[in-house]
């Protein structure tokens, strides 16, 4: 099977919400899992928050190398919600 950059075979792991809002510039850690089974592929990546929509969807830019997922690479935009965030690093949390 040939995959292209538009093929998406991953999902973000849903966790407990620990924050109320994350401001742009913050670094967040996300768990990326294979869309079919996390037993196949799973990886933790870091993303820098770019902005947030009124509906609570964040846009972040991948800042680490991604080894397990060819469809994701450093510099890609990734959309996520608060329930996907494992950790927040830096002064980027607003209550």
PDB file of N, CA and C in Angstrom:
ATOM      1  N   UNK A   1       0.843  -1.175   0.000  1.00  0.00           N
ATOM      2  CA  UNK A   1       0.000   0.000   0.000  1.00  0.00           C
ATOM      3  C   UNK A   1       0.888   1.237   0.000  1.00  0.00           C
ATOM      4  N   UNK A   2       0.570   2.182  -0.819  1.00  0.00           N
ATOM      5  CA  UNK A   2       1.297   3.442  -0.871  1.00  0.00           C
ATOM      6  C   UNK A   2       0.516   4.484  -0.103  1.00  0.00           C
ATOM      7  N   UNK A   3       1.191   5.199   0.796  1.00  0.00           N
ATOM      8  CA  UNK A   3       0.521   6.261   1.537  1.00  0.00           C
ATOM      9  C   UNK A   3       1.033   7.606   1.060  1.00  0.00           C
ATOM     10  N   UNK A   4       0.185   8.585   1.153  1.00  0.00           N
ATOM     11  CA  UNK A   4       0.565   9.947   0.807  1.00  0.00           C
ATOM     12  C   UNK A   4       0.435  10.803   2.060  1.00  0.00           C
ATOM     13  N   UNK A   5       0.892  12.038   1.974  1.00  0.00           N
ATOM     14  CA  UNK A   5       0.834  12.959   3.102  1.00  0.00           C
ATOM     15  C   UNK A   5      -0.601  13.187   3.557  1.00  0.00           C
ATOM     16  N   UNK A   6      -1.582  13.001   2.683  1.00  0.00           N
ATOM     17  CA  UNK A   6      -2.973  13.242   3.054  1.00  0.00           C
ATOM     18  C   UNK A   6      -3.617  12.034   3.727  1.00  0.00           C
ATOM     19  N   UNK A   7      -2.985  10.854   3.643  1.00  0.00           N
ATOM     20  CA  UNK A   7      -3.514   9.676   4.324  1.00  0.00           C
ATOM     21  C   UNK A   7      -3.230   9.795   5.817  1.00  0.00           C
ATOM     22  N   UNK A   8      -4.253   9.611   6.640  1.00  0.00           N
ATOM     23  CA  UNK A   8      -4.080   9.729   8.087  1.00  0.00           C
ATOM     24  C   UNK A   8      -4.433   8.397   8.730  1.00  0.00           C
ATOM     25  N   UNK A   9      -3.442   7.808   9.383  1.00  0.00           N
ATOM     26  CA  UNK A   9      -3.639   6.536  10.055  1.00  0.00           C
ATOM     27  C   UNK A   9      -3.301   6.647  11.531  1.00  0.00           C
ATOM     28  N   UNK A  10      -3.532   7.824  12.110  1.00  0.00           N
ATOM     29  CA  UNK A  10      -3.253   8.015  13.525  1.00  0.00           C
ATOM     30  C   UNK A  10      -4.427   8.706  14.205  1.00  0.00           C
ATOM     31  N   UNK A  11      -4.444   8.637  15.523  1.00  0.00           N
ATOM     32  CA  UNK A  11      -5.425   9.335  16.336  1.00  0.00           C
ATOM     33  C   UNK A  11      -4.701   9.830  17.580  1.00  0.00           C
ATOM     34  N   UNK A  12      -5.280  10.812  18.261  1.00  0.00           N
ATOM     35  CA  UNK A  12      -4.702  11.306  19.504  1.00  0.00           C
ATOM     36  C   UNK A  12      -5.413  10.650  20.680  1.00  0.00           C
ATOM     37  N   UNK A  13      -4.645  10.193  21.647  1.00  0.00           N
ATOM     38  CA  UNK A  13      -5.217   9.522  22.812  1.00  0.00           C
ATOM     39  C   UNK A  13      -5.963  10.532  23.674  1.00  0.00           C
ATOM     40  N   UNK A  14      -7.178  10.184  24.089  1.00  0.00           N
ATOM     41  CA  UNK A  14      -7.995  11.038  24.938  1.00  0.00           C
ATOM     42  C   UNK A  14      -7.674  10.761  26.398  1.00  0.00           C
ATOM     43  N   UNK A  15      -7.468  11.836  27.155  1.00  0.00           N
ATOM     44  CA  UNK A  15      -7.098  11.749  28.559  1.00  0.00           C
ATOM     45  C   UNK A  15      -8.048  12.597  29.389  1.00  0.00           C
ATOM     46  N   UNK A  16      -7.790  12.687  30.681  1.00  0.00           N
ATOM     47  CA  UNK A  16      -8.551  13.576  31.547  1.00  0.00           C
ATOM     48  C   UNK A  16      -8.122  15.010  31.299  1.00  0.00           C
ATOM     49  N   UNK A  17      -9.082  15.927  31.331  1.00  0.00           N
ATOM     50  CA  UNK A  17      -8.777  17.339  31.135  1.00  0.00           C
ATOM     51  C   UNK A  17      -8.180  17.896  32.423  1.00  0.00           C
ATOM     52  N   UNK A  18      -6.968  18.455  32.317  1.00  0.00           N
ATOM     53  CA  UNK A  18      -6.288  19.019  33.480  1.00  0.00           C
ATOM     54  C   UNK A  18      -6.202  20.542  33.417  1.00  0.00           C
ATOM     55  N   UNK A  19      -6.405  21.114  32.252  1.00  0.00           N
ATOM     56  CA  UNK A  19      -6.310  22.551  32.064  1.00  0.00           C
ATOM     57  C   UNK A  19      -7.650  23.094  31.591  1.00  0.00           C
ATOM     58  N   UNK A  20      -7.798  24.394  31.737  1.00  0.00           N
ATOM     59  CA  UNK A  20      -8.981  25.048  31.211  1.00  0.00           C
ATOM     60  C   UNK A  20      -8.690  25.731  29.882  1.00  0.00           C
ATOM     61  N   UNK A  21      -7.462  26.188  29.701  1.00  0.00           N
ATOM     62  CA  UNK A  21      -7.075  26.847  28.453  1.00  0.00           C
ATOM     63  C   UNK A  21      -5.557  26.860  28.366  1.00  0.00           C
ATOM     64  N   UNK A  22      -5.028  26.735  27.168  1.00  0.00           N
ATOM     65  CA  UNK A  22      -3.588  26.803  26.932  1.00  0.00           C
ATOM     66  C   UNK A  22      -3.339  27.960  25.970  1.00  0.00           C
ATOM     67  N   UNK A  23      -2.417  28.830  26.335  1.00  0.00           N
ATOM     68  CA  UNK A  23      -2.191  30.016  25.507  1.00  0.00           C
ATOM     69  C   UNK A  23      -1.197  29.711  24.387  1.00  0.00           C
ATOM     70  N   UNK A  24      -1.259  30.473  23.299  1.00  0.00           N
ATOM     71  CA  UNK A  24      -0.308  30.296  22.195  1.00  0.00           C
ATOM     72  C   UNK A  24       1.134  30.438  22.681  1.00  0.00           C
ATOM     73  N   UNK A  25       2.000  29.602  22.140  1.00  0.00           N
ATOM     74  CA  UNK A  25       3.396  29.601  22.519  1.00  0.00           C
ATOM     75  C   UNK A  25       3.755  28.505  23.506  1.00  0.00           C
ATOM     76  N   UNK A  26       2.748  27.958  24.176  1.00  0.00           N
ATOM     77  CA  UNK A  26       2.996  26.887  25.145  1.00  0.00           C
ATOM     78  C   UNK A  26       3.403  25.607  24.411  1.00  0.00           C
ATOM     79  N   UNK A  27       4.176  24.790  25.088  1.00  0.00           N
ATOM     80  CA  UNK A  27       4.545  23.479  24.558  1.00  0.00           C
ATOM     81  C   UNK A  27       3.666  22.434  25.213  1.00  0.00           C
ATOM     82  N   UNK A  28       3.067  21.577  24.400  1.00  0.00           N
ATOM     83  CA  UNK A  28       2.227  20.510  24.938  1.00  0.00           C
ATOM     84  C   UNK A  28       2.712  19.163  24.420  1.00  0.00           C
ATOM     85  N   UNK A  29       2.522  18.162  25.243  1.00  0.00           N
ATOM     86  CA  UNK A  29       2.897  16.792  24.916  1.00  0.00           C
ATOM     87  C   UNK A  29       1.626  16.022  24.573  1.00  0.00           C
ATOM     88  N   UNK A  30       1.637  15.341  23.438  1.00  0.00           N
ATOM     89  CA  UNK A  30       0.479  14.573  22.976  1.00  0.00           C
ATOM     90  C   UNK A  30       0.887  13.127  22.723  1.00  0.00           C
ATOM     91  N   UNK A  31      -0.035  12.202  22.972  1.00  0.00           N
ATOM     92  CA  UNK A  31       0.190  10.784  22.684  1.00  0.00           C
ATOM     93  C   UNK A  31      -0.494  10.464  21.361  1.00  0.00           C
ATOM     94  N   UNK A  32       0.302  10.070  20.363  1.00  0.00           N
ATOM     95  CA  UNK A  32      -0.221   9.710  19.045  1.00  0.00           C
ATOM     96  C   UNK A  32      -0.283   8.190  18.967  1.00  0.00           C
ATOM     97  N   UNK A  33      -1.441   7.663  18.609  1.00  0.00           N
ATOM     98  CA  UNK A  33      -1.640   6.218  18.497  1.00  0.00           C
ATOM     99  C   UNK A  33      -2.058   5.847  17.085  1.00  0.00           C
ATOM    100  N   UNK A  34      -1.764   4.621  16.699  1.00  0.00           N
ATOM    101  CA  UNK A  34      -2.240   4.087  15.438  1.00  0.00           C
ATOM    102  C   UNK A  34      -3.769   4.104  15.454  1.00  0.00           C
ATOM    103  N   UNK A  35      -4.385   4.468  14.353  1.00  0.00           N
ATOM    104  CA  UNK A  35      -5.846   4.574  14.290  1.00  0.00           C
ATOM    105  C   UNK A  35      -6.543   3.229  14.472  1.00  0.00           C
ATOM    106  N   UNK A  36      -5.842   2.148  14.168  1.00  0.00           N
ATOM    107  CA  UNK A  36      -6.447   0.825  14.282  1.00  0.00           C
ATOM    108  C   UNK A  36      -6.183   0.186  15.640  1.00  0.00           C
ATOM    109  N   UNK A  37      -4.975   0.370  16.157  1.00  0.00           N
ATOM    110  CA  UNK A  37      -4.628  -0.198  17.456  1.00  0.00           C
ATOM    111  C   UNK A  37      -3.361   0.461  17.988  1.00  0.00           C
ATOM    112  N   UNK A  38      -3.389   0.974  19.229  1.00  0.00           N
ATOM    113  CA  UNK A  38      -2.176   1.558  19.797  1.00  0.00           C
ATOM    114  C   UNK A  38      -1.071   0.522  20.009  1.00  0.00           C
ATOM    115  N   UNK A  39      -1.412  -0.759  19.920  1.00  0.00           N
ATOM    116  CA  UNK A  39      -0.395  -1.802  20.043  1.00  0.00           C
ATOM    117  C   UNK A  39       0.505  -1.845  18.804  1.00  0.00           C
ATOM    118  N   UNK A  40       0.007  -1.338  17.666  1.00  0.00           N
ATOM    119  CA  UNK A  40       0.795  -1.326  16.437  1.00  0.00           C
ATOM    120  C   UNK A  40       1.838  -0.209  16.447  1.00  0.00           C
ATOM    121  N   UNK A  41       1.370   1.000  16.753  1.00  0.00           N
ATOM    122  CA  UNK A  41       2.258   2.164  16.809  1.00  0.00           C
ATOM    123  C   UNK A  41       1.736   3.121  17.862  1.00  0.00           C
ATOM    124  N   UNK A  42       2.648   3.718  18.616  1.00  0.00           N
ATOM    125  CA  UNK A  42       2.287   4.723  19.598  1.00  0.00           C
ATOM    126  C   UNK A  42       3.523   5.557  19.883  1.00  0.00           C
ATOM    127  N   UNK A  43       3.347   6.864  19.973  1.00  0.00           N
ATOM    128  CA  UNK A  43       4.500   7.741  20.184  1.00  0.00           C
ATOM    129  C   UNK A  43       4.063   9.028  20.881  1.00  0.00           C
ATOM    130  N   UNK A  44       4.924   9.540  21.729  1.00  0.00           N
ATOM    131  CA  UNK A  44       4.703  10.818  22.395  1.00  0.00           C
ATOM    132  C   UNK A  44       5.436  11.891  21.603  1.00  0.00           C
ATOM    133  N   UNK A  45       4.725  12.986  21.297  1.00  0.00           N
ATOM    134  CA  UNK A  45       5.342  14.088  20.554  1.00  0.00           C
ATOM    135  C   UNK A  45       5.088  15.404  21.283  1.00  0.00           C
ATOM    136  N   UNK A  46       5.909  16.406  20.966  1.00  0.00           N
ATOM    137  CA  UNK A  46       5.729  17.751  21.507  1.00  0.00           C
ATOM    138  C   UNK A  46       5.273  18.685  20.390  1.00  0.00           C
ATOM    139  N   UNK A  47       4.358  19.580  20.772  1.00  0.00           N
ATOM    140  CA  UNK A  47       3.734  20.513  19.833  1.00  0.00           C
ATOM    141  C   UNK A  47       3.739  21.908  20.458  1.00  0.00           C
ATOM    142  N   UNK A  48       4.037  22.933  19.662  1.00  0.00           N
ATOM    143  CA  UNK A  48       3.931  24.323  20.134  1.00  0.00           C
ATOM    144  C   UNK A  48       2.565  24.867  19.710  1.00  0.00           C
ATOM    145  N   UNK A  49       1.788  25.352  20.678  1.00  0.00           N
ATOM    146  CA  UNK A  49       0.441  25.857  20.407  1.00  0.00           C
ATOM    147  C   UNK A  49       0.526  27.134  19.580  1.00  0.00           C
ATOM    148  N   UNK A  50      -0.211  27.161  18.479  1.00  0.00           N
ATOM    149  CA  UNK A  50      -0.261  28.334  17.591  1.00  0.00           C
ATOM    150  C   UNK A  50      -1.470  29.210  17.904  1.00  0.00           C
ATOM    151  N   UNK A  51      -2.635  28.589  18.017  1.00  0.00           N
ATOM    152  CA  UNK A  51      -3.858  29.338  18.313  1.00  0.00           C
ATOM    153  C   UNK A  51      -4.962  28.374  18.720  1.00  0.00           C
ATOM    154  N   UNK A  52      -6.111  28.959  19.069  1.00  0.00           N
ATOM    155  CA  UNK A  52      -7.265  28.165  19.501  1.00  0.00           C
ATOM    156  C   UNK A  52      -8.528  28.780  18.919  1.00  0.00           C
ATOM    157  N   UNK A  53      -9.436  27.929  18.464  1.00  0.00           N
ATOM    158  CA  UNK A  53     -10.710  28.410  17.938  1.00  0.00           C
ATOM    159  C   UNK A  53     -11.693  28.629  19.086  1.00  0.00           C
ATOM    160  N   UNK A  54     -12.789  29.308  18.796  1.00  0.00           N
ATOM    161  CA  UNK A  54     -13.825  29.515  19.815  1.00  0.00           C
ATOM    162  C   UNK A  54     -14.464  28.208  20.258  1.00  0.00           C
ATOM    163  N   UNK A  55     -14.366  27.176  19.437  1.00  0.00           N
ATOM    164  CA  UNK A  55     -14.956  25.880  19.790  1.00  0.00           C
ATOM    165  C   UNK A  55     -13.986  24.984  20.571  1.00  0.00           C
ATOM    166  N   UNK A  56     -12.808  25.516  20.927  1.00  0.00           N
ATOM    167  CA  UNK A  56     -11.881  24.761  21.753  1.00  0.00           C
ATOM    168  C   UNK A  56     -10.945  23.828  21.016  1.00  0.00           C
ATOM    169  N   UNK A  57     -10.810  24.013  19.718  1.00  0.00           N
ATOM    170  CA  UNK A  57      -9.863  23.210  18.937  1.00  0.00           C
ATOM    171  C   UNK A  57      -8.569  24.011  18.806  1.00  0.00           C
ATOM    172  N   UNK A  58      -7.479  23.398  19.233  1.00  0.00           N
ATOM    173  CA  UNK A  58      -6.168  24.045  19.180  1.00  0.00           C
ATOM    174  C   UNK A  58      -5.431  23.626  17.917  1.00  0.00           C
ATOM    175  N   UNK A  59      -4.614  24.555  17.404  1.00  0.00           N
ATOM    176  CA  UNK A  59      -3.715  24.244  16.305  1.00  0.00           C
ATOM    177  C   UNK A  59      -2.302  24.365  16.846  1.00  0.00           C
ATOM    178  N   UNK A  60      -1.543  23.298  16.682  1.00  0.00           N
ATOM    179  CA  UNK A  60      -0.169  23.311  17.153  1.00  0.00           C
ATOM    180  C   UNK A  60       0.768  22.872  16.048  1.00  0.00           C
ATOM    181  N   UNK A  61       2.034  23.234  16.197  1.00  0.00           N
ATOM    182  CA  UNK A  61       3.055  22.848  15.222  1.00  0.00           C
ATOM    183  C   UNK A  61       3.973  21.817  15.861  1.00  0.00           C
ATOM    184  N   UNK A  62       4.139  20.681  15.205  1.00  0.00           N
ATOM    185  CA  UNK A  62       4.991  19.603  15.713  1.00  0.00           C
ATOM    186  C   UNK A  62       6.437  20.112  15.772  1.00  0.00           C
ATOM    187  N   UNK A  63       7.077  19.974  16.951  1.00  0.00           N
ATOM    188  CA  UNK A  63       8.445  20.487  17.113  1.00  0.00           C
ATOM    189  C   UNK A  63       9.457  19.374  17.374  1.00  0.00           C
ATOM    190  N   UNK A  64       9.016  18.140  17.434  1.00  0.00           N
ATOM    191  CA  UNK A  64       9.941  17.017  17.623  1.00  0.00           C
ATOM    192  C   UNK A  64       9.898  16.115  16.393  1.00  0.00           C
ATOM    193  N   UNK A  65      10.956  15.338  16.230  1.00  0.00           N
ATOM    194  CA  UNK A  65      10.947  14.340  15.159  1.00  0.00           C
ATOM    195  C   UNK A  65       9.940  13.253  15.500  1.00  0.00           C
ATOM    196  N   UNK A  66       9.232  12.773  14.493  1.00  0.00           N
ATOM    197  CA  UNK A  66       8.231  11.716  14.683  1.00  0.00           C
ATOM    198  C   UNK A  66       8.748  10.477  13.971  1.00  0.00           C
ATOM    199  N   UNK A  67       9.046   9.441  14.730  1.00  0.00           N
ATOM    200  CA  UNK A  67       9.661   8.247  14.162  1.00  0.00           C
ATOM    201  C   UNK A  67       8.659   7.184  13.722  1.00  0.00           C
ATOM    202  N   UNK A  68       7.548   7.040  14.429  1.00  0.00           N
ATOM    203  CA  UNK A  68       6.609   5.954  14.170  1.00  0.00           C
ATOM    204  C   UNK A  68       5.552   6.274  13.110  1.00  0.00           C
ATOM    205  N   UNK A  69       5.375   7.553  12.791  1.00  0.00           N
ATOM    206  CA  UNK A  69       4.285   7.960  11.897  1.00  0.00           C
ATOM    207  C   UNK A  69       4.841   8.769  10.723  1.00  0.00           C
ATOM    208  N   UNK A  70       4.937   8.138   9.560  1.00  0.00           N
ATOM    209  CA  UNK A  70       5.452   8.816   8.369  1.00  0.00           C
ATOM    210  C   UNK A  70       4.553   9.974   7.944  1.00  0.00           C
ATOM    211  N   UNK A  71       3.279   9.909   8.312  1.00  0.00           N
ATOM    212  CA  UNK A  71       2.336  10.945   7.903  1.00  0.00           C
ATOM    213  C   UNK A  71       2.433  12.207   8.762  1.00  0.00           C
ATOM    214  N   UNK A  72       3.266  12.182   9.797  1.00  0.00           N
ATOM    215  CA  UNK A  72       3.515  13.348  10.647  1.00  0.00           C
ATOM    216  C   UNK A  72       5.005  13.647  10.656  1.00  0.00           C
ATOM    217  N   UNK A  73       5.350  14.920  10.567  1.00  0.00           N
ATOM    218  CA  UNK A  73       6.759  15.281  10.662  1.00  0.00           C
ATOM    219  C   UNK A  73       6.900  16.650  11.319  1.00  0.00           C
ATOM    220  N   UNK A  74       8.119  16.953  11.729  1.00  0.00           N
ATOM    221  CA  UNK A  74       8.414  18.236  12.361  1.00  0.00           C
ATOM    222  C   UNK A  74       7.952  19.363  11.432  1.00  0.00           C
ATOM    223  N   UNK A  75       7.254  20.338  12.009  1.00  0.00           N
ATOM    224  CA  UNK A  75       6.766  21.475  11.237  1.00  0.00           C
ATOM    225  C   UNK A  75       5.327  21.347  10.773  1.00  0.00           C
ATOM    226  N   UNK A  76       4.746  20.154  10.872  1.00  0.00           N
ATOM    227  CA  UNK A  76       3.344  19.963  10.477  1.00  0.00           C
ATOM    228  C   UNK A  76       2.406  20.602  11.499  1.00  0.00           C
ATOM    229  N   UNK A  77       1.259  21.083  11.026  1.00  0.00           N
ATOM    230  CA  UNK A  77       0.215  21.549  11.917  1.00  0.00           C
ATOM    231  C   UNK A  77      -0.621  20.351  12.350  1.00  0.00           C
ATOM    232  N   UNK A  78      -1.013  20.361  13.623  1.00  0.00           N
ATOM    233  CA  UNK A  78      -1.786  19.272  14.203  1.00  0.00           C
ATOM    234  C   UNK A  78      -2.904  19.895  15.032  1.00  0.00           C
ATOM    235  N   UNK A  79      -4.106  19.413  14.873  1.00  0.00           N
ATOM    236  CA  UNK A  79      -5.255  19.947  15.598  1.00  0.00           C
ATOM    237  C   UNK A  79      -5.616  19.009  16.742  1.00  0.00           C
ATOM    238  N   UNK A  80      -5.892  19.591  17.927  1.00  0.00           N
ATOM    239  CA  UNK A  80      -6.177  18.793  19.115  1.00  0.00           C
ATOM    240  C   UNK A  80      -7.077  19.574  20.067  1.00  0.00           C
ATOM    241  N   UNK A  81      -7.562  18.874  21.086  1.00  0.00           N
ATOM    242  CA  UNK A  81      -8.388  19.473  22.131  1.00  0.00           C
ATOM    243  C   UNK A  81      -7.695  19.278  23.469  1.00  0.00           C
ATOM    244  N   UNK A  82      -8.202  19.940  24.497  1.00  0.00           N
ATOM    245  CA  UNK A  82      -7.598  19.829  25.830  1.00  0.00           C
ATOM    246  C   UNK A  82      -7.512  18.389  26.317  1.00  0.00           C
ATOM    247  N   UNK A  83      -8.497  17.569  25.978  1.00  0.00           N
ATOM    248  CA  UNK A  83      -8.503  16.184  26.474  1.00  0.00           C
ATOM    249  C   UNK A  83      -7.405  15.318  25.862  1.00  0.00           C
ATOM    250  N   UNK A  84      -6.662  15.849  24.894  1.00  0.00           N
ATOM    251  CA  UNK A  84      -5.557  15.108  24.281  1.00  0.00           C
ATOM    252  C   UNK A  84      -4.209  15.430  24.923  1.00  0.00           C
ATOM    253  N   UNK A  85      -4.148  16.444  25.785  1.00  0.00           N
ATOM    254  CA  UNK A  85      -2.880  16.941  26.312  1.00  0.00           C
ATOM    255  C   UNK A  85      -2.406  16.102  27.499  1.00  0.00           C
ATOM    256  N   UNK A  86      -1.194  15.539  27.362  1.00  0.00           N
ATOM    257  CA  UNK A  86      -0.554  14.813  28.462  1.00  0.00           C
ATOM    258  C   UNK A  86       0.076  15.776  29.463  1.00  0.00           C
ATOM    259  N   UNK A  87       0.895  16.706  28.955  1.00  0.00           N
ATOM    260  CA  UNK A  87       1.621  17.664  29.782  1.00  0.00           C
ATOM    261  C   UNK A  87       1.674  19.008  29.078  1.00  0.00           C
ATOM    262  N   UNK A  88       1.857  20.057  29.892  1.00  0.00           N
ATOM    263  CA  UNK A  88       2.112  21.401  29.374  1.00  0.00           C
ATOM    264  C   UNK A  88       3.438  21.855  29.955  1.00  0.00           C
ATOM    265  N   UNK A  89       4.303  22.397  29.111  1.00  0.00           N
ATOM    266  CA  UNK A  89       5.601  22.891  29.572  1.00  0.00           C
ATOM    267  C   UNK A  89       5.667  24.395  29.381  1.00  0.00           C
ATOM    268  N   UNK A  90       6.197  25.091  30.351  1.00  0.00           N
ATOM    269  CA  UNK A  90       6.380  26.530  30.247  1.00  0.00           C
ATOM    270  C   UNK A  90       5.234  27.298  30.868  1.00  0.00           C
ATOM    271  N   UNK A  91       5.228  28.574  30.594  1.00  0.00           N
ATOM    272  CA  UNK A  91       4.239  29.487  31.169  1.00  0.00           C
ATOM    273  C   UNK A  91       3.036  29.602  30.253  1.00  0.00           C
ATOM    274  N   UNK A  92       2.459  28.485  29.866  1.00  0.00           N
ATOM    275  CA  UNK A  92       1.432  28.537  28.847  1.00  0.00           C
ATOM    276  C   UNK A  92       0.043  28.150  29.266  1.00  0.00           C
ATOM    277  N   UNK A  93      -0.258  28.126  30.554  1.00  0.00           N
ATOM    278  CA  UNK A  93      -1.581  27.703  30.987  1.00  0.00           C
ATOM    279  C   UNK A  93      -2.323  28.890  31.577  1.00  0.00           C
ATOM    280  N   UNK A  94      -3.563  29.040  31.189  1.00  0.00           N
ATOM    281  CA  UNK A  94      -4.415  30.088  31.739  1.00  0.00           C
ATOM    282  C   UNK A  94      -5.630  29.427  32.364  1.00  0.00           C
ATOM    283  N   UNK A  95      -5.969  29.827  33.570  1.00  0.00           N
ATOM    284  CA  UNK A  95      -7.124  29.224  34.269  1.00  0.00           C
ATOM    285  C   UNK A  95      -8.411  29.894  33.886  1.00  0.00           C
TER     286      UNK A  95
END
